[in-house]
Amino acid sequence: MAADVKKLIGDETVINSRGVFEYLLGGSVDKKLLGLQFFEASVTRVAYARQNEETKANGKSNCLHCAMSDNSNKSNIHNFKEMEADHVAAWSKGGARTPENCEMFCITHNRLKGNR
């Protein structure tokens, strides 16, 4: 258990290190105890696929910000590794880590967006 505690406390995605013991003693089930703010890979893949389907229909970029531009990026389709997941409703303001609250932006635009 000591190794698991050390690993979780050193994990940059674990926001609430005080919940580590309760999480581990509870069978490592309730991730809310860790205060994780990042989306799980399965959620980001669902959001990426959904946005790609929507953008194929309108011929715009799968990055929501690029799609609004008036330059050559407006129709650029980014591959999954060029994208980052973001919360529609910010995590810091109570937004959930669900597929419905996940949207994808290219790395550049997601990092410019910040906590809005």
Protein backbone atom coordinates (compact mmCIF):
# COMPACT_ATOMS: atom_id res chain seq x y z
CA MET A 1 0.00 0.00 0.00
CA ALA A 2 2.90 2.37 0.71
CA ALA A 3 3.96 2.18 -2.94
CA ASP A 4 0.40 3.01 -4.08
CA VAL A 5 0.25 6.00 -1.73
CA LYS A 6 3.61 7.29 -2.98
CA LYS A 7 2.56 6.84 -6.60
CA LEU A 8 -0.75 8.70 -6.16
CA ILE A 9 0.73 11.55 -4.13
CA GLY A 10 3.38 12.02 -6.83
CA ASP A 11 0.80 12.00 -9.63
CA GLU A 12 0.26 15.54 -10.97
CA THR A 13 -3.35 14.74 -11.89
CA VAL A 14 -4.24 14.02 -8.24
CA ILE A 15 -5.45 17.33 -6.87
CA ASN A 16 -6.62 16.15 -3.43
CA SER A 17 -3.78 14.19 -1.83
CA ARG A 18 -5.77 14.04 1.43
CA GLY A 19 -8.19 11.64 -0.26
CA VAL A 20 -5.51 9.11 -1.25
CA PHE A 21 -5.83 6.90 1.85
CA GLU A 22 -9.63 6.85 1.74
CA TYR A 23 -9.48 6.06 -1.99
CA LEU A 24 -7.10 3.14 -1.48
CA LEU A 25 -8.86 1.78 1.62
CA GLY A 26 -12.18 2.00 -0.24
CA GLY A 27 -10.95 -0.35 -2.95
CA SER A 28 -9.64 2.29 -5.38
CA VAL A 29 -13.13 2.91 -6.75
CA ASP A 30 -14.25 6.45 -5.90
CA LYS A 31 -11.93 8.66 -7.99
CA LYS A 32 -13.72 11.77 -6.74
CA LEU A 33 -11.70 11.40 -3.55
CA LEU A 34 -8.56 12.21 -5.53
CA GLY A 35 -9.99 15.37 -7.08
CA LEU A 36 -8.91 14.33 -10.57
CA GLN A 37 -9.52 17.08 -13.08
CA PHE A 38 -8.41 15.27 -16.24
CA PHE A 39 -10.63 13.19 -18.48
CA GLU A 40 -10.04 9.47 -18.78
CA ALA A 41 -8.78 8.32 -22.19
CA SER A 42 -12.09 6.62 -23.01
CA VAL A 43 -13.96 9.91 -22.54
CA THR A 44 -11.56 11.88 -24.75
CA ARG A 45 -11.79 9.29 -27.52
CA VAL A 46 -15.59 9.52 -27.49
CA ALA A 47 -15.46 13.33 -27.64
CA TYR A 48 -12.85 13.25 -30.43
CA ALA A 49 -14.94 10.82 -32.51
CA ARG A 50 -18.11 12.87 -31.94
CA GLN A 51 -16.45 16.12 -33.02
CA ASN A 52 -14.89 14.49 -36.08
CA GLU A 53 -18.28 13.25 -37.24
CA GLU A 54 -19.86 16.66 -36.70
CA THR A 55 -17.07 18.46 -38.56
CA LYS A 56 -17.14 16.09 -41.54
CA ALA A 57 -20.70 17.22 -42.14
CA ASN A 58 -19.85 20.95 -42.16
CA GLY A 59 -16.29 20.87 -43.59
CA LYS A 60 -14.77 22.73 -40.66
CA SER A 61 -11.90 21.91 -38.32
CA ASN A 62 -12.39 19.47 -35.46
CA CYS A 63 -10.83 22.06 -33.14
CA LEU A 64 -13.72 24.27 -32.14
CA HIS A 65 -11.55 27.39 -32.07
CA CYS A 66 -9.79 26.70 -35.40
CA ALA A 67 -13.23 26.18 -36.98
CA MET A 68 -14.18 29.77 -36.08
CA SER A 69 -11.08 31.30 -37.70
CA ASP A 70 -10.85 32.88 -41.14
CA ASN A 71 -7.47 31.37 -42.01
CA SER A 72 -6.26 28.07 -43.44
CA ASN A 73 -6.79 26.29 -40.09
CA LYS A 74 -10.57 26.60 -40.34
CA SER A 75 -10.81 23.28 -42.19
CA ASN A 76 -7.82 21.52 -40.60
CA ILE A 77 -8.61 18.11 -39.14
CA HIS A 78 -6.21 17.45 -36.26
CA ASN A 79 -5.29 13.90 -35.33
CA PHE A 80 -5.99 12.70 -31.81
CA LYS A 81 -2.42 13.35 -30.60
CA GLU A 82 -2.72 17.00 -31.65
CA MET A 83 -5.82 17.53 -29.51
CA GLU A 84 -6.54 18.04 -25.81
CA ALA A 85 -9.77 17.56 -23.93
CA ASP A 86 -11.37 20.45 -22.12
CA HIS A 87 -14.41 20.87 -19.93
CA VAL A 88 -17.45 22.65 -21.39
CA ALA A 89 -18.30 23.69 -17.83
CA ALA A 90 -14.94 24.24 -16.09
CA TRP A 91 -13.83 21.58 -13.61
CA SER A 92 -12.97 24.32 -11.11
CA LYS A 93 -16.59 25.48 -11.32
CA GLY A 94 -18.12 22.03 -10.79
CA GLY A 95 -17.94 20.65 -14.34
CA ALA A 96 -18.02 16.86 -14.54
CA ARG A 97 -15.54 14.56 -16.29
CA THR A 98 -18.22 13.06 -18.53
CA PRO A 99 -18.39 12.74 -22.34
CA GLU A 100 -21.21 15.32 -22.39
CA ASN A 101 -18.95 17.87 -20.67
CA CYS A 102 -15.91 17.14 -22.86
CA GLU A 103 -14.89 19.09 -25.94
CA MET A 104 -11.67 18.86 -27.93
CA PHE A 105 -9.35 21.68 -28.95
CA CYS A 106 -6.00 21.63 -30.69
CA ILE A 107 -3.22 21.83 -28.10
CA THR A 108 -2.43 25.47 -28.92
CA HIS A 109 -5.99 26.70 -28.53
CA ASN A 110 -6.73 24.63 -25.44
CA ARG A 111 -3.75 26.09 -23.62
CA LEU A 112 -4.68 29.62 -24.69
CA LYS A 113 -8.27 29.12 -23.51
CA GLY A 114 -7.45 28.76 -19.82
CA ASN A 115 -10.08 28.49 -17.08
CA ARG A 116 -13.20 30.10 -18.56
